[in-house]
């Protein structure tokens, strides 16, 4: 059984406040929406920044306008995402975030994006 740190337990509490169906399984995976299999590992999440990275990496896909996810899942993921990421993005920007950062495809660019205050121009520059 996975043992949550105090920080992780606090994050879990915040997410459960957004979606009561959220839970952590024995592998330390936080299950945000079980029916659509939206989850991420809580390891190594020891800072608020780590949680922001997880949101960018794993919640941007279900938030995309034309994704296969159910509307309820999109809403839950959007609510969790914006709880930790303080900037509201357009649908096109969410798609760019997913294409450039989704599934941890570019950790260095993720760091730059967060350091910039979530300036979408950082992702556009890297695309050229």
Protein backbone atom coordinates (compact mmCIF):
# COMPACT_ATOMS: atom_id res chain seq x y z
CA UNK A 1 0.00 0.00 0.00
CA UNK A 2 1.30 3.43 -0.94
CA UNK A 3 1.93 5.78 1.99
CA UNK A 4 1.04 9.42 1.28
CA UNK A 5 3.26 12.22 2.54
CA UNK A 6 1.59 15.08 4.40
CA UNK A 7 1.95 17.24 1.28
CA UNK A 8 0.41 14.58 -0.98
CA UNK A 9 -2.42 14.02 1.49
CA UNK A 10 -3.15 17.75 1.39
CA UNK A 11 -3.19 17.73 -2.42
CA UNK A 12 -5.50 14.72 -2.40
CA UNK A 13 -7.84 16.58 -0.05
CA UNK A 14 -7.95 19.55 -2.41
CA UNK A 15 -8.73 17.34 -5.40
CA UNK A 16 -11.38 15.37 -3.48
CA UNK A 17 -12.95 18.74 -2.70
CA UNK A 18 -13.31 19.23 -6.46
CA UNK A 19 -14.29 15.65 -7.32
CA UNK A 20 -15.43 13.39 -4.50
CA UNK A 21 -14.79 10.28 -6.61
CA UNK A 22 -11.02 10.84 -6.55
CA UNK A 23 -8.91 8.27 -4.72
CA UNK A 24 -5.36 6.92 -4.50
CA UNK A 25 -4.76 3.29 -5.35
CA UNK A 26 -2.16 0.95 -3.83
CA UNK A 27 0.43 2.01 -6.45
CA UNK A 28 0.30 5.69 -5.49
CA UNK A 29 -1.74 6.70 -8.53
CA UNK A 30 -4.31 9.41 -7.98
CA UNK A 31 -7.41 8.41 -9.90
CA UNK A 32 -9.17 11.62 -10.92
CA UNK A 33 -11.89 9.99 -13.05
CA UNK A 34 -12.13 6.23 -13.07
CA UNK A 35 -14.58 5.72 -15.94
CA UNK A 36 -12.33 7.54 -18.41
CA UNK A 37 -9.10 6.34 -16.75
CA UNK A 38 -7.69 9.78 -15.92
CA UNK A 39 -4.89 9.48 -13.40
CA UNK A 40 -1.28 10.32 -12.57
CA UNK A 41 1.30 9.10 -10.12
CA UNK A 42 1.73 11.07 -6.93
CA UNK A 43 5.42 10.22 -6.96
CA UNK A 44 7.53 12.28 -6.99
CA UNK A 45 5.10 15.06 -6.03
CA UNK A 46 6.64 16.93 -3.15
CA UNK A 47 5.95 20.53 -4.19
CA UNK A 48 3.14 22.60 -5.63
CA UNK A 49 5.22 22.92 -8.80
CA UNK A 50 5.30 19.11 -9.13
CA UNK A 51 1.50 19.10 -9.07
CA UNK A 52 1.38 21.85 -11.70
CA UNK A 53 3.62 19.73 -13.93
CA UNK A 54 1.34 16.71 -13.47
CA UNK A 55 -1.67 18.84 -14.44
CA UNK A 56 0.06 20.09 -17.59
CA UNK A 57 1.25 16.59 -18.50
CA UNK A 58 -1.84 14.53 -17.74
CA UNK A 59 -4.95 16.73 -17.54
CA UNK A 60 -4.48 18.77 -20.71
CA UNK A 61 -5.54 15.87 -22.98
CA UNK A 62 -8.96 15.25 -21.42
CA UNK A 63 -9.57 19.02 -21.42
CA UNK A 64 -9.17 19.33 -25.19
CA UNK A 65 -12.32 20.38 -27.00
CA UNK A 66 -12.38 17.46 -29.44
CA UNK A 67 -11.07 14.72 -27.16
CA UNK A 68 -12.98 11.45 -26.73
CA UNK A 69 -13.60 12.06 -23.03
CA UNK A 70 -17.09 12.49 -21.62
CA UNK A 71 -18.22 16.07 -20.82
CA UNK A 72 -18.24 15.30 -17.07
CA UNK A 73 -14.62 14.13 -17.24
CA UNK A 74 -13.60 17.26 -19.16
CA UNK A 75 -15.24 19.42 -16.50
CA UNK A 76 -13.59 17.55 -13.62
CA UNK A 77 -10.16 17.70 -15.27
CA UNK A 78 -10.60 21.38 -16.07
CA UNK A 79 -11.60 22.17 -12.49
CA UNK A 80 -8.60 20.29 -11.06
CA UNK A 81 -6.24 21.80 -13.65
CA UNK A 82 -7.31 25.38 -12.95
CA UNK A 83 -7.18 24.82 -9.22
CA UNK A 84 -3.41 24.39 -9.56
CA UNK A 85 -2.61 26.34 -12.75
CA UNK A 86 -3.60 30.00 -12.26
CA UNK A 87 -4.01 31.02 -15.93
CA UNK A 88 -7.12 30.39 -18.05
CA UNK A 89 -6.30 29.08 -21.51
CA UNK A 90 -8.32 28.94 -24.73
CA UNK A 91 -9.18 25.59 -26.30
CA UNK A 92 -6.43 26.15 -28.88
CA UNK A 93 -3.92 26.87 -26.11
CA UNK A 94 -4.91 23.70 -24.23
CA UNK A 95 -4.32 21.72 -27.42
CA UNK A 96 -0.90 23.36 -27.78
CA UNK A 97 -0.08 22.57 -24.15
CA UNK A 98 -1.00 18.94 -24.71
CA UNK A 99 0.92 18.66 -27.99
CA UNK A 100 4.08 20.24 -26.52
CA UNK A 101 3.98 18.99 -22.91
CA UNK A 102 1.44 16.18 -22.63
CA UNK A 103 2.49 12.81 -21.21
CA UNK A 104 5.80 14.30 -19.98
CA UNK A 105 7.11 14.57 -23.53
CA UNK A 106 9.30 17.60 -22.77
CA UNK A 107 10.23 18.11 -19.14
CA UNK A 108 12.65 20.95 -19.91
CA UNK A 109 10.00 22.89 -21.83
CA UNK A 110 7.51 22.25 -19.01
CA UNK A 111 9.96 23.87 -16.58
CA UNK A 112 10.43 26.87 -18.89
CA UNK A 113 6.66 27.24 -19.30
CA UNK A 114 6.07 27.29 -15.54
CA UNK A 115 9.04 29.63 -14.97
CA UNK A 116 7.58 32.05 -17.53
CA UNK A 117 4.36 32.31 -15.54
CA UNK A 118 2.60 30.03 -18.07
CA UNK A 119 3.34 32.32 -21.00
CA UNK A 120 1.94 30.47 -24.03
CA UNK A 121 4.50 32.23 -26.25
CA UNK A 122 7.16 29.93 -24.76
CA UNK A 123 5.42 26.95 -26.34
CA UNK A 124 5.00 28.71 -29.68
CA UNK A 125 8.71 29.69 -29.77
CA UNK A 126 9.81 26.14 -29.18
CA UNK A 127 7.63 24.91 -32.04
CA UNK A 128 9.55 26.80 -34.72
